[in-house]
Amino acid sequence: MQSKRGKESFSIFSISWAPGDDTRFATSNALGEIIIWDYTTGKMVCKIQPGIENRILKVAWNPLRKNTLACGSSENKAFIINLENNKMKVINVYSHNDIVNGVAWSPLNKYFNFPR
């Protein structure tokens, strides 16, 4: 996994392994990106920058919906992201009155009806 842009490095704030798949994981970083990595090759699979000039402080892969991730940002928002065919798309945005430092999924997923 390469954590540099040119000659400048950037901070990775969190890592979340794909549920049921020990070859993929997601990272969140100081550049405001969520990146999906292939552990076996060390290469980036895809990335998204869900907000505008923010830091993505936490990423969490949904344990029951393998194509859904959540992330919290320094721009006072939480994003729900869908992953299909190695492309990510923001499907929901939740605003908050301050920085969103953490995200977690309901263990039963029964209160949310997100697109699959």
Protein backbone atom coordinates (compact mmCIF):
# COMPACT_ATOMS: atom_id res chain seq x y z
CA MET A 1 0.00 0.00 0.00
CA GLN A 2 1.48 3.30 -1.08
CA SER A 3 0.67 6.15 1.30
CA LYS A 4 2.36 8.99 -0.54
CA ARG A 5 1.35 11.58 -3.10
CA GLY A 6 4.41 12.68 -4.98
CA LYS A 7 6.95 13.53 -2.30
CA GLU A 8 4.40 14.44 0.37
CA SER A 9 2.95 11.82 2.66
CA PHE A 10 -0.55 11.93 4.12
CA SER A 11 -2.15 10.48 7.23
CA ILE A 12 -4.38 7.42 7.19
CA PHE A 13 -7.00 7.79 9.92
CA SER A 14 -8.73 4.41 9.83
CA ILE A 15 -8.80 0.98 8.19
CA SER A 16 -11.80 -1.34 7.80
CA TRP A 17 -11.57 -4.86 6.38
CA ALA A 18 -14.20 -6.01 3.90
CA PRO A 19 -16.63 -8.41 5.59
CA GLY A 20 -15.98 -12.01 4.60
CA ASP A 21 -13.07 -10.99 2.34
CA ASP A 22 -9.55 -10.86 3.72
CA THR A 23 -8.15 -9.53 0.43
CA ARG A 24 -9.80 -6.07 0.49
CA PHE A 25 -9.83 -3.23 2.98
CA ALA A 26 -10.83 0.43 3.01
CA THR A 27 -8.83 3.35 4.38
CA SER A 28 -9.81 6.91 5.25
CA ASN A 29 -7.28 9.70 5.01
CA ALA A 30 -6.30 13.32 5.51
CA LEU A 31 -6.93 14.10 1.83
CA GLY A 32 -10.65 13.37 2.27
CA GLU A 33 -10.56 10.06 0.42
CA ILE A 34 -11.87 6.59 1.01
CA ILE A 35 -9.65 4.10 -0.81
CA ILE A 36 -10.32 0.41 -1.37
CA TRP A 37 -7.11 -1.63 -1.47
CA ASP A 38 -6.28 -5.15 -2.63
CA TYR A 39 -4.19 -6.67 0.17
CA THR A 40 -2.69 -9.37 -2.07
CA THR A 41 -1.23 -6.88 -4.56
CA GLY A 42 -0.93 -3.77 -2.38
CA LYS A 43 -2.65 -1.78 -5.13
CA MET A 44 -5.55 0.61 -5.00
CA VAL A 45 -8.81 -0.80 -6.38
CA CYS A 46 -10.83 2.44 -6.35
CA LYS A 47 -11.27 5.67 -4.43
CA ILE A 48 -13.80 8.38 -3.73
CA GLN A 49 -13.65 11.81 -2.17
CA PRO A 50 -17.18 12.14 -0.79
CA GLY A 51 -16.95 15.69 0.53
CA ILE A 52 -15.25 18.96 -0.33
CA GLU A 53 -11.75 19.53 1.09
CA ASN A 54 -12.28 17.56 4.28
CA ARG A 55 -10.61 14.82 6.21
CA ILE A 56 -12.30 11.45 6.34
CA LEU A 57 -11.73 10.51 9.96
CA LYS A 58 -13.35 7.07 10.12
CA VAL A 59 -14.53 4.42 7.69
CA ALA A 60 -16.58 1.34 8.59
CA TRP A 61 -17.59 -1.44 6.24
CA ASN A 62 -21.12 -2.73 6.82
CA PRO A 63 -20.75 -6.31 8.11
CA LEU A 64 -24.06 -7.48 6.61
CA ARG A 65 -24.19 -5.48 3.37
CA LYS A 66 -20.84 -6.11 1.78
CA ASN A 67 -21.15 -3.28 -0.74
CA THR A 68 -21.91 -0.52 1.78
CA LEU A 69 -19.54 1.67 3.81
CA ALA A 70 -20.01 4.58 6.19
CA CYS A 71 -17.57 7.38 6.91
CA GLY A 72 -17.35 10.43 9.13
CA SER A 73 -15.69 13.68 8.11
CA SER A 74 -14.22 16.90 9.41
CA GLU A 75 -16.79 18.85 7.38
CA ASN A 76 -19.50 17.85 9.88
CA LYS A 77 -21.02 15.10 7.76
CA ALA A 78 -21.40 11.34 7.67
CA PHE A 79 -21.61 9.65 4.29
CA ILE A 80 -23.06 6.28 3.26
CA ILE A 81 -21.22 4.89 0.25
CA ASN A 82 -22.17 2.09 -2.10
CA LEU A 83 -19.52 -0.02 -3.86
CA GLU A 84 -20.48 -1.69 -7.15
CA ASN A 85 -18.11 -3.06 -9.79
CA ASN A 86 -15.12 -1.42 -8.10
CA LYS A 87 -16.75 2.04 -8.23
CA MET A 88 -17.97 3.98 -5.20
CA LYS A 89 -20.94 6.34 -5.05
CA VAL A 90 -22.34 8.42 -2.18
CA ILE A 91 -25.93 7.32 -1.55
CA ASN A 92 -26.75 9.28 1.65
CA VAL A 93 -25.32 12.28 3.48
CA TYR A 94 -26.09 13.16 7.11
CA SER A 95 -25.18 16.61 8.42
CA HIS A 96 -24.14 17.23 12.00
CA ASN A 97 -23.29 20.39 13.94
CA ASP A 98 -19.66 19.34 14.50
CA ILE A 99 -16.96 16.97 13.26
CA VAL A 100 -18.01 13.32 12.84
CA ASN A 101 -15.15 11.37 14.44
CA GLY A 102 -16.67 7.90 14.36
CA VAL A 103 -19.22 5.74 12.59
CA ALA A 104 -20.71 2.33 13.38
CA TRP A 105 -23.39 0.09 11.94
CA SER A 106 -26.44 -1.33 13.67
CA PRO A 107 -25.58 -5.00 14.30
CA LEU A 108 -28.94 -6.07 12.87
CA ASN A 109 -29.30 -3.43 10.10
CA LYS A 110 -33.02 -3.47 10.73
CA TYR A 111 -33.46 0.31 11.06
CA PHE A 112 -31.93 1.27 7.73
CA ASN A 113 -33.20 0.80 4.22
CA PHE A 114 -30.22 1.73 2.05
CA PRO A 115 -29.98 0.80 -1.61
CA ARG A 116 -28.02 -2.38 -2.19
